All heavy atoms as atom14 arrays in JSON, in Angstrom:
{
  "sequence": "LQRENLNAVEKAEGMLRVQNKRSCTQDELGALLGGMTKSSVSES",
  "atom14_mask": [
    [1, 1, 1, 1, 1, 1, 1, 1, 0, 0, 0, 0, 0, 0],
    [1, 1, 1, 1, 1, 1, 1, 1, 1, 0, 0, 0, 0, 0],
    [1, 1, 1, 1, 1, 1, 1, 1, 1, 1, 1, 0, 0, 0],
    [1, 1, 1, 1, 1, 1, 1, 1, 1, 0, 0, 0, 0, 0],
    [1, 1, 1, 1, 1, 1, 1, 1, 0, 0, 0, 0, 0, 0],
    [1, 1, 1, 1, 1, 1, 1, 1, 0, 0, 0, 0, 0, 0],
    [1, 1, 1, 1, 1, 1, 1, 1, 0, 0, 0, 0, 0, 0],
    [1, 1, 1, 1, 1, 0, 0, 0, 0, 0, 0, 0, 0, 0],
    [1, 1, 1, 1, 1, 1, 1, 0, 0, 0, 0, 0, 0, 0],
    [1, 1, 1, 1, 1, 1, 1, 1, 1, 0, 0, 0, 0, 0],
    [1, 1, 1, 1, 1, 1, 1, 1, 1, 0, 0, 0, 0, 0],
    [1, 1, 1, 1, 1, 0, 0, 0, 0, 0, 0, 0, 0, 0],
    [1, 1, 1, 1, 1, 1, 1, 1, 1, 0, 0, 0, 0, 0],
    [1, 1, 1, 1, 0, 0, 0, 0, 0, 0, 0, 0, 0, 0],
    [1, 1, 1, 1, 1, 1, 1, 1, 0, 0, 0, 0, 0, 0],
    [1, 1, 1, 1, 1, 1, 1, 1, 0, 0, 0, 0, 0, 0],
    [1, 1, 1, 1, 1, 1, 1, 1, 1, 1, 1, 0, 0, 0],
    [1, 1, 1, 1, 1, 1, 1, 0, 0, 0, 0, 0, 0, 0],
    [1, 1, 1, 1, 1, 1, 1, 1, 1, 0, 0, 0, 0, 0],
    [1, 1, 1, 1, 1, 1, 1, 1, 0, 0, 0, 0, 0, 0],
    [1, 1, 1, 1, 1, 1, 1, 1, 1, 0, 0, 0, 0, 0],
    [1, 1, 1, 1, 1, 1, 1, 1, 1, 1, 1, 0, 0, 0],
    [1, 1, 1, 1, 1, 1, 0, 0, 0, 0, 0, 0, 0, 0],
    [1, 1, 1, 1, 1, 1, 0, 0, 0, 0, 0, 0, 0, 0],
    [1, 1, 1, 1, 1, 1, 1, 0, 0, 0, 0, 0, 0, 0],
    [1, 1, 1, 1, 1, 1, 1, 1, 1, 0, 0, 0, 0, 0],
    [1, 1, 1, 1, 1, 1, 1, 1, 0, 0, 0, 0, 0, 0],
    [1, 1, 1, 1, 1, 1, 1, 1, 1, 0, 0, 0, 0, 0],
    [1, 1, 1, 1, 1, 1, 1, 1, 0, 0, 0, 0, 0, 0],
    [1, 1, 1, 1, 0, 0, 0, 0, 0, 0, 0, 0, 0, 0],
    [1, 1, 1, 1, 1, 0, 0, 0, 0, 0, 0, 0, 0, 0],
    [1, 1, 1, 1, 1, 1, 1, 1, 0, 0, 0, 0, 0, 0],
    [1, 1, 1, 1, 1, 1, 1, 1, 0, 0, 0, 0, 0, 0],
    [1, 1, 1, 1, 0, 0, 0, 0, 0, 0, 0, 0, 0, 0],
    [1, 1, 1, 1, 0, 0, 0, 0, 0, 0, 0, 0, 0, 0],
    [1, 1, 1, 1, 1, 1, 1, 1, 0, 0, 0, 0, 0, 0],
    [1, 1, 1, 1, 1, 1, 1, 0, 0, 0, 0, 0, 0, 0],
    [1, 1, 1, 1, 1, 1, 1, 1, 1, 0, 0, 0, 0, 0],
    [1, 1, 1, 1, 1, 1, 0, 0, 0, 0, 0, 0, 0, 0],
    [1, 1, 1, 1, 1, 1, 0, 0, 0, 0, 0, 0, 0, 0],
    [1, 1, 1, 1, 1, 1, 1, 0, 0, 0, 0, 0, 0, 0],
    [1, 1, 1, 1, 1, 1, 0, 0, 0, 0, 0, 0, 0, 0],
    [1, 1, 1, 1, 1, 1, 1, 1, 1, 0, 0, 0, 0, 0],
    [1, 1, 1, 1, 1, 1, 0, 0, 0, 0, 0, 0, 0, 0]
  ],
  "atom14_positions": [
    [[-63.52, -17.39, -17.33], [-63.9, -17.14, -15.97], [-63.5, -18.39, -15.14], [-63.15, -18.22, -13.94], [-65.36, -16.86, -15.87], [-65.84, -15.49, -16.38], [-67.37, -15.46, -16.39], [-65.27, -14.38, -15.56], [0.0, 0.0, 0.0], [0.0, 0.0, 0.0], [0.0, 0.0, 0.0], [0.0, 0.0, 0.0], [0.0, 0.0, 0.0], [0.0, 0.0, 0.0]],
    [[-63.64, -19.56, -15.67], [-63.39, -20.75, -14.97], [-61.87, -21.1, -14.8], [-61.43, -21.63, -13.84], [-64.1, -21.95, -15.63], [-65.62, -21.93, -15.5], [-66.26, -23.06, -16.22], [-65.67, -23.76, -17.03], [-67.55, -23.3, -15.85], [0.0, 0.0, 0.0], [0.0, 0.0, 0.0], [0.0, 0.0, 0.0], [0.0, 0.0, 0.0], [0.0, 0.0, 0.0]],
    [[-61.07, -20.78, -15.86], [-59.69, -21.2, -15.91], [-58.75, -20.19, -15.29], [-57.81, -20.53, -14.62], [-59.29, -21.52, -17.28], [-60.01, -22.76, -17.79], [-59.46, -23.19, -19.16], [-60.13, -24.4, -19.51], [-59.8, -25.63, -19.11], [-58.8, -25.75, -18.29], [-60.46, -26.7, -19.52], [0.0, 0.0, 0.0], [0.0, 0.0, 0.0], [0.0, 0.0, 0.0]],
    [[-58.94, -18.91, -15.53], [-58.02, -17.9, -15.03], [-58.8, -16.61, -14.9], [-59.54, -16.21, -15.86], [-56.81, -17.68, -15.99], [-55.85, -16.66, -15.41], [-54.71, -16.48, -16.35], [-54.54, -17.21, -17.33], [-53.84, -15.55, -16.06], [0.0, 0.0, 0.0], [0.0, 0.0, 0.0], [0.0, 0.0, 0.0], [0.0, 0.0, 0.0], [0.0, 0.0, 0.0]],
    [[-58.71, -15.93, -13.75], [-59.48, -14.76, -13.57], [-59.24, -13.71, -14.58], [-58.1, -13.27, -14.79], [-59.19, -14.18, -12.14], [-59.7, -15.05, -11.06], [-60.65, -15.81, -11.27], [-59.09, -14.97, -9.87], [0.0, 0.0, 0.0], [0.0, 0.0, 0.0], [0.0, 0.0, 0.0], [0.0, 0.0, 0.0], [0.0, 0.0, 0.0], [0.0, 0.0, 0.0]],
    [[-60.32, -13.22, -15.26], [-60.22, -12.05, -16.05], [-60.15, -10.82, -15.14], [-60.67, -10.85, -14.02], [-61.42, -11.92, -16.97], [-61.65, -12.96, -18.04], [-63.07, -12.82, -18.6], [-60.61, -12.89, -19.1], [0.0, 0.0, 0.0], [0.0, 0.0, 0.0], [0.0, 0.0, 0.0], [0.0, 0.0, 0.0], [0.0, 0.0, 0.0], [0.0, 0.0, 0.0]],
    [[-59.5, -9.71, -15.62], [-59.65, -8.53, -14.82], [-61.05, -8.02, -14.99], [-61.78, -8.43, -15.85], [-58.54, -7.45, -15.12], [-58.67, -6.91, -16.5], [-59.74, -6.4, -16.91], [-57.54, -6.93, -17.26], [0.0, 0.0, 0.0], [0.0, 0.0, 0.0], [0.0, 0.0, 0.0], [0.0, 0.0, 0.0], [0.0, 0.0, 0.0], [0.0, 0.0, 0.0]],
    [[-61.46, -7.1, -14.12], [-62.86, -6.65, -14.0], [-63.38, -6.07, -15.34], [-64.5, -6.25, -15.75], [-63.01, -5.71, -12.91], [0.0, 0.0, 0.0], [0.0, 0.0, 0.0], [0.0, 0.0, 0.0], [0.0, 0.0, 0.0], [0.0, 0.0, 0.0], [0.0, 0.0, 0.0], [0.0, 0.0, 0.0], [0.0, 0.0, 0.0], [0.0, 0.0, 0.0]],
    [[-62.51, -5.33, -16.04], [-62.94, -4.65, -17.28], [-63.09, -5.69, -18.34], [-64.04, -5.65, -19.17], [-61.9, -3.58, -17.66], [-62.16, -3.13, -19.13], [-62.02, -2.39, -16.77], [0.0, 0.0, 0.0], [0.0, 0.0, 0.0], [0.0, 0.0, 0.0], [0.0, 0.0, 0.0], [0.0, 0.0, 0.0], [0.0, 0.0, 0.0], [0.0, 0.0, 0.0]],
    [[-62.16, -6.64, -18.47], [-62.34, -7.67, -19.52], [-63.56, -8.49, -19.25], [-64.29, -8.8, -20.22], [-61.11, -8.64, -19.45], [-59.82, -7.93, -19.95], [-58.63, -8.85, -19.72], [-58.61, -9.62, -18.73], [-57.66, -8.76, -20.47], [0.0, 0.0, 0.0], [0.0, 0.0, 0.0], [0.0, 0.0, 0.0], [0.0, 0.0, 0.0], [0.0, 0.0, 0.0]],
    [[-63.88, -8.79, -18.01], [-65.06, -9.55, -17.69], [-66.32, -8.73, -18.1], [-67.26, -9.31, -18.75], [-65.09, -9.85, -16.2], [-66.39, -10.54, -15.71], [-66.33, -10.8, -14.24], [-67.65, -11.45, -13.69], [-67.58, -11.64, -12.28], [0.0, 0.0, 0.0], [0.0, 0.0, 0.0], [0.0, 0.0, 0.0], [0.0, 0.0, 0.0], [0.0, 0.0, 0.0]],
    [[-66.36, -7.47, -17.72], [-67.52, -6.6, -18.08], [-67.77, -6.5, -19.57], [-68.88, -6.59, -20.07], [-67.33, -5.26, -17.46], [0.0, 0.0, 0.0], [0.0, 0.0, 0.0], [0.0, 0.0, 0.0], [0.0, 0.0, 0.0], [0.0, 0.0, 0.0], [0.0, 0.0, 0.0], [0.0, 0.0, 0.0], [0.0, 0.0, 0.0], [0.0, 0.0, 0.0]],
    [[-66.65, -6.29, -20.31], [-66.79, -6.13, -21.74], [-67.24, -7.46, -22.44], [-68.03, -7.44, -23.37], [-65.49, -5.66, -22.37], [-65.12, -4.24, -21.96], [-63.78, -3.79, -22.37], [-62.9, -4.61, -22.62], [-63.65, -2.52, -22.6], [0.0, 0.0, 0.0], [0.0, 0.0, 0.0], [0.0, 0.0, 0.0], [0.0, 0.0, 0.0], [0.0, 0.0, 0.0]],
    [[-66.75, -8.59, -21.9], [-67.17, -9.87, -22.44], [-68.64, -10.13, -22.15], [-69.35, -10.59, -23.03], [0.0, 0.0, 0.0], [0.0, 0.0, 0.0], [0.0, 0.0, 0.0], [0.0, 0.0, 0.0], [0.0, 0.0, 0.0], [0.0, 0.0, 0.0], [0.0, 0.0, 0.0], [0.0, 0.0, 0.0], [0.0, 0.0, 0.0], [0.0, 0.0, 0.0]],
    [[-69.08, -9.73, -20.95], [-70.49, -9.93, -20.58], [-71.39, -9.07, -21.44], [-72.48, -9.48, -21.9], [-70.69, -9.59, -19.09], [-70.08, -10.63, -18.18], [-70.13, -10.09, -16.4], [-71.89, -9.97, -16.1], [0.0, 0.0, 0.0], [0.0, 0.0, 0.0], [0.0, 0.0, 0.0], [0.0, 0.0, 0.0], [0.0, 0.0, 0.0], [0.0, 0.0, 0.0]],
    [[-70.97, -7.87, -21.73], [-71.74, -6.96, -22.54], [-71.91, -7.51, -23.99], [-72.96, -7.4, -24.59], [-71.13, -5.59, -22.56], [-71.94, -4.47, -23.33], [-73.31, -4.29, -22.73], [-71.15, -3.16, -23.41], [0.0, 0.0, 0.0], [0.0, 0.0, 0.0], [0.0, 0.0, 0.0], [0.0, 0.0, 0.0], [0.0, 0.0, 0.0], [0.0, 0.0, 0.0]],
    [[-70.79, -8.07, -24.53], [-70.92, -8.65, -25.86], [-71.9, -9.77, -25.9], [-72.72, -9.87, -26.85], [-69.54, -9.18, -26.33], [-68.6, -8.05, -26.83], [-67.44, -8.65, -27.59], [-66.57, -9.4, -26.72], [-65.55, -8.91, -26.02], [-65.31, -7.65, -26.03], [-64.83, -9.69, -25.28], [0.0, 0.0, 0.0], [0.0, 0.0, 0.0], [0.0, 0.0, 0.0]],
    [[-71.88, -10.64, -24.9], [-72.86, -11.75, -24.9], [-74.26, -11.22, -24.74], [-75.18, -11.7, -25.44], [-72.51, -12.72, -23.7], [-73.64, -13.73, -23.53], [-71.17, -13.35, -23.91], [0.0, 0.0, 0.0], [0.0, 0.0, 0.0], [0.0, 0.0, 0.0], [0.0, 0.0, 0.0], [0.0, 0.0, 0.0], [0.0, 0.0, 0.0], [0.0, 0.0, 0.0]],
    [[-74.45, -10.24, -23.92], [-75.81, -9.71, -23.67], [-76.35, -9.06, -24.97], [-77.48, -9.25, -25.38], [-75.81, -8.68, -22.57], [-77.27, -8.15, -22.3], [-77.25, -7.08, -21.25], [-76.37, -6.23, -21.16], [-78.28, -7.1, -20.39], [0.0, 0.0, 0.0], [0.0, 0.0, 0.0], [0.0, 0.0, 0.0], [0.0, 0.0, 0.0], [0.0, 0.0, 0.0]],
    [[-75.48, -8.35, -25.67], [-75.94, -7.68, -26.93], [-76.24, -8.67, -28.03], [-77.19, -8.53, -28.77], [-74.85, -6.68, -27.39], [-74.76, -5.43, -26.52], [-75.68, -5.16, -25.79], [-73.62, -4.73, -26.53], [0.0, 0.0, 0.0], [0.0, 0.0, 0.0], [0.0, 0.0, 0.0], [0.0, 0.0, 0.0], [0.0, 0.0, 0.0], [0.0, 0.0, 0.0]],
    [[-75.43, -9.71, -28.15], [-75.65, -10.69, -29.2], [-76.87, -11.57, -28.94], [-77.53, -11.96, -29.84], [-74.41, -11.55, -29.38], [-73.25, -10.85, -30.04], [-72.21, -11.8, -30.56], [-71.16, -11.06, -31.41], [-70.18, -11.96, -32.0], [0.0, 0.0, 0.0], [0.0, 0.0, 0.0], [0.0, 0.0, 0.0], [0.0, 0.0, 0.0], [0.0, 0.0, 0.0]],
    [[-77.12, -11.77, -27.66], [-78.24, -12.63, -27.29], [-79.56, -11.8, -27.02], [-80.61, -12.37, -26.87], [-77.94, -13.47, -26.08], [-77.05, -14.64, -26.38], [-77.14, -15.7, -25.28], [-76.57, -16.95, -25.69], [-77.17, -18.07, -25.68], [-78.41, -18.18, -25.34], [-76.53, -19.2, -26.02], [0.0, 0.0, 0.0], [0.0, 0.0, 0.0], [0.0, 0.0, 0.0]],
    [[-79.37, -10.47, -26.92], [-80.54, -9.62, -26.62], [-81.24, -10.11, -25.38], [-82.46, -10.18, -25.35], [-81.49, -9.55, -27.81], [-80.84, -8.97, -28.91], [0.0, 0.0, 0.0], [0.0, 0.0, 0.0], [0.0, 0.0, 0.0], [0.0, 0.0, 0.0], [0.0, 0.0, 0.0], [0.0, 0.0, 0.0], [0.0, 0.0, 0.0], [0.0, 0.0, 0.0]],
    [[-80.48, -10.41, -24.34], [-81.05, -10.97, -23.1], [-81.07, -9.97, -21.95], [-80.35, -8.93, -22.02], [-80.3, -12.24, -22.71], [-78.58, -11.97, -22.29], [0.0, 0.0, 0.0], [0.0, 0.0, 0.0], [0.0, 0.0, 0.0], [0.0, 0.0, 0.0], [0.0, 0.0, 0.0], [0.0, 0.0, 0.0], [0.0, 0.0, 0.0], [0.0, 0.0, 0.0]],
    [[-81.89, -10.22, -21.0], [-81.98, -9.36, -19.77], [-80.79, -9.69, -18.94], [-80.08, -10.65, -19.12], [-83.27, -9.61, -19.03], [-83.24, -10.96, -18.5], [-84.52, -9.45, -19.89], [0.0, 0.0, 0.0], [0.0, 0.0, 0.0], [0.0, 0.0, 0.0], [0.0, 0.0, 0.0], [0.0, 0.0, 0.0], [0.0, 0.0, 0.0], [0.0, 0.0, 0.0]],
    [[-80.61, -8.84, -17.85], [-79.57, -9.17, -16.92], [-79.8, -10.46, -16.15], [-78.84, -11.16, -15.87], [-79.44, -7.95, -15.98], [-78.85, -6.72, -16.63], [-78.59, -5.56, -15.66], [-78.86, -5.66, -14.48], [-78.11, -4.46, -16.21], [0.0, 0.0, 0.0], [0.0, 0.0, 0.0], [0.0, 0.0, 0.0], [0.0, 0.0, 0.0], [0.0, 0.0, 0.0]],
    [[-81.05, -10.73, -15.83], [-81.38, -12.02, -15.21], [-80.94, -13.19, -16.09], [-80.38, -14.16, -15.63], [-82.88, -12.09, -14.93], [-83.26, -11.3, -13.66], [-82.43, -11.24, -12.75], [-84.38, -10.81, -13.57], [0.0, 0.0, 0.0], [0.0, 0.0, 0.0], [0.0, 0.0, 0.0], [0.0, 0.0, 0.0], [0.0, 0.0, 0.0], [0.0, 0.0, 0.0]],
    [[-81.29, -13.08, -17.34], [-81.02, -14.16, -18.33], [-79.48, -14.29, -18.54], [-78.95, -15.37, -18.63], [-81.71, -13.9, -19.69], [-83.19, -14.02, -19.56], [-83.92, -13.47, -20.8], [-83.33, -12.64, -21.56], [-85.03, -13.88, -21.09], [0.0, 0.0, 0.0], [0.0, 0.0, 0.0], [0.0, 0.0, 0.0], [0.0, 0.0, 0.0], [0.0, 0.0, 0.0]],
    [[-78.78, -13.2, -18.56], [-77.32, -13.17, -18.74], [-76.68, -13.87, -17.51], [-75.76, -14.65, -17.65], [-76.74, -11.78, -18.86], [-75.28, -11.62, -18.99], [-74.8, -12.39, -20.25], [-74.89, -10.14, -19.1], [0.0, 0.0, 0.0], [0.0, 0.0, 0.0], [0.0, 0.0, 0.0], [0.0, 0.0, 0.0], [0.0, 0.0, 0.0], [0.0, 0.0, 0.0]],
    [[-77.16, -13.53, -16.28], [-76.64, -14.16, -15.1], [-76.82, -15.69, -15.14], [-75.91, -16.42, -14.71], [0.0, 0.0, 0.0], [0.0, 0.0, 0.0], [0.0, 0.0, 0.0], [0.0, 0.0, 0.0], [0.0, 0.0, 0.0], [0.0, 0.0, 0.0], [0.0, 0.0, 0.0], [0.0, 0.0, 0.0], [0.0, 0.0, 0.0], [0.0, 0.0, 0.0]],
    [[-77.96, -16.13, -15.62], [-78.22, -17.58, -15.71], [-77.27, -18.25, -16.65], [-76.79, -19.32, -16.48], [-79.65, -17.8, -16.06], [0.0, 0.0, 0.0], [0.0, 0.0, 0.0], [0.0, 0.0, 0.0], [0.0, 0.0, 0.0], [0.0, 0.0, 0.0], [0.0, 0.0, 0.0], [0.0, 0.0, 0.0], [0.0, 0.0, 0.0], [0.0, 0.0, 0.0]],
    [[-77.03, -17.59, -17.84], [-76.11, -18.11, -18.85], [-74.7, -18.26, -18.27], [-74.03, -19.23, -18.68], [-76.11, -17.19, -20.07], [-77.25, -17.2, -20.98], [-77.12, -16.08, -22.03], [-77.4, -18.5, -21.72], [0.0, 0.0, 0.0], [0.0, 0.0, 0.0], [0.0, 0.0, 0.0], [0.0, 0.0, 0.0], [0.0, 0.0, 0.0], [0.0, 0.0, 0.0]],
    [[-74.31, -17.39, -17.42], [-72.94, -17.39, -16.95], [-72.79, -18.1, -15.58], [-71.87, -17.85, -14.82], [-72.44, -15.91, -16.82], [-72.43, -15.18, -18.09], [-71.95, -13.73, -17.88], [-71.56, -15.86, -19.16], [0.0, 0.0, 0.0], [0.0, 0.0, 0.0], [0.0, 0.0, 0.0], [0.0, 0.0, 0.0], [0.0, 0.0, 0.0], [0.0, 0.0, 0.0]],
    [[-73.71, -19.0, -15.34], [-73.53, -19.88, -14.18], [-74.25, -19.44, -12.9], [-73.79, -19.77, -11.79], [0.0, 0.0, 0.0], [0.0, 0.0, 0.0], [0.0, 0.0, 0.0], [0.0, 0.0, 0.0], [0.0, 0.0, 0.0], [0.0, 0.0, 0.0], [0.0, 0.0, 0.0], [0.0, 0.0, 0.0], [0.0, 0.0, 0.0], [0.0, 0.0, 0.0]],
    [[-75.35, -18.7, -13.09], [-76.1, -18.37, -11.86], [-75.7, -17.07, -11.23], [-75.95, -16.92, -9.94], [0.0, 0.0, 0.0], [0.0, 0.0, 0.0], [0.0, 0.0, 0.0], [0.0, 0.0, 0.0], [0.0, 0.0, 0.0], [0.0, 0.0, 0.0], [0.0, 0.0, 0.0], [0.0, 0.0, 0.0], [0.0, 0.0, 0.0], [0.0, 0.0, 0.0]],
    [[-75.05, -16.11, -11.88], [-74.82, -14.82, -11.29], [-76.12, -14.1, -10.99], [-77.08, -14.17, -11.75], [-74.02, -13.96, -12.28], [-72.54, -14.44, -12.49], [-71.7, -13.33, -13.7], [-71.66, -11.81, -12.74], [0.0, 0.0, 0.0], [0.0, 0.0, 0.0], [0.0, 0.0, 0.0], [0.0, 0.0, 0.0], [0.0, 0.0, 0.0], [0.0, 0.0, 0.0]],
    [[-76.16, -13.39, -9.89], [-77.36, -12.65, -9.5], [-77.5, -11.41, -10.41], [-76.5, -10.97, -11.02], [-77.29, -12.22, -8.03], [-76.22, -11.28, -7.88], [-77.13, -13.4, -7.13], [0.0, 0.0, 0.0], [0.0, 0.0, 0.0], [0.0, 0.0, 0.0], [0.0, 0.0, 0.0], [0.0, 0.0, 0.0], [0.0, 0.0, 0.0], [0.0, 0.0, 0.0]],
    [[-78.73, -10.88, -10.54], [-78.93, -9.69, -11.29], [-78.09, -8.52, -10.8], [-77.54, -7.71, -11.61], [-80.42, -9.3, -11.27], [-80.76, -8.13, -12.16], [-82.22, -7.79, -12.12], [-82.52, -6.55, -12.96], [-83.97, -6.23, -12.98], [0.0, 0.0, 0.0], [0.0, 0.0, 0.0], [0.0, 0.0, 0.0], [0.0, 0.0, 0.0], [0.0, 0.0, 0.0]],
    [[-77.96, -8.39, -9.47], [-77.17, -7.29, -8.93], [-75.64, -7.44, -9.31], [-75.04, -6.42, -9.64], [-77.34, -7.23, -7.42], [-76.89, -8.42, -6.77], [0.0, 0.0, 0.0], [0.0, 0.0, 0.0], [0.0, 0.0, 0.0], [0.0, 0.0, 0.0], [0.0, 0.0, 0.0], [0.0, 0.0, 0.0], [0.0, 0.0, 0.0], [0.0, 0.0, 0.0]],
    [[-75.17, -8.67, -9.3], [-73.75, -8.88, -9.68], [-73.55, -8.54, -11.14], [-72.56, -7.97, -11.52], [-73.39, -10.34, -9.42], [-73.38, -10.61, -8.0], [0.0, 0.0, 0.0], [0.0, 0.0, 0.0], [0.0, 0.0, 0.0], [0.0, 0.0, 0.0], [0.0, 0.0, 0.0], [0.0, 0.0, 0.0], [0.0, 0.0, 0.0], [0.0, 0.0, 0.0]],
    [[-74.51, -8.97, -12.0], [-74.4, -8.65, -13.38], [-74.47, -7.15, -13.6], [-73.65, -6.6, -14.41], [-75.58, -9.32, -14.19], [-75.64, -8.83, -15.6], [-75.42, -10.84, -14.17], [0.0, 0.0, 0.0], [0.0, 0.0, 0.0], [0.0, 0.0, 0.0], [0.0, 0.0, 0.0], [0.0, 0.0, 0.0], [0.0, 0.0, 0.0], [0.0, 0.0, 0.0]],
    [[-75.35, -6.47, -12.93], [-75.46, -4.99, -13.05], [-74.18, -4.34, -12.67], [-73.76, -3.4, -13.34], [-76.67, -4.52, -12.22], [-76.79, -3.13, -12.3], [0.0, 0.0, 0.0], [0.0, 0.0, 0.0], [0.0, 0.0, 0.0], [0.0, 0.0, 0.0], [0.0, 0.0, 0.0], [0.0, 0.0, 0.0], [0.0, 0.0, 0.0], [0.0, 0.0, 0.0]],
    [[-73.61, -4.78, -11.55], [-72.37, -4.16, -11.05], [-71.24, -4.33, -12.09], [-70.5, -3.43, -12.38], [-71.97, -4.75, -9.71], [-72.8, -4.29, -8.6], [-72.47, -4.91, -7.24], [-71.75, -5.96, -7.3], [-72.89, -4.41, -6.22], [0.0, 0.0, 0.0], [0.0, 0.0, 0.0], [0.0, 0.0, 0.0], [0.0, 0.0, 0.0], [0.0, 0.0, 0.0]],
    [[-71.14, -5.54, -12.64], [-70.09, -5.81, -13.6], [-70.29, -4.95, -14.86], [-69.34, -4.33, -15.38], [-70.02, -7.3, -13.94], [-69.56, -8.05, -12.9], [0.0, 0.0, 0.0], [0.0, 0.0, 0.0], [0.0, 0.0, 0.0], [0.0, 0.0, 0.0], [0.0, 0.0, 0.0], [0.0, 0.0, 0.0], [0.0, 0.0, 0.0], [0.0, 0.0, 0.0]]
  ]
}
């Protein structure tokens, strides 16, 4: 995410893998990824 933009699907799938492995909420996932809001996480 920091070095080169992922396309939207790659980003979403990567986020889902992190969420599943960490068993975290959307709020917690957003915090892990640099302060994304819950709505942004949900949309992705």
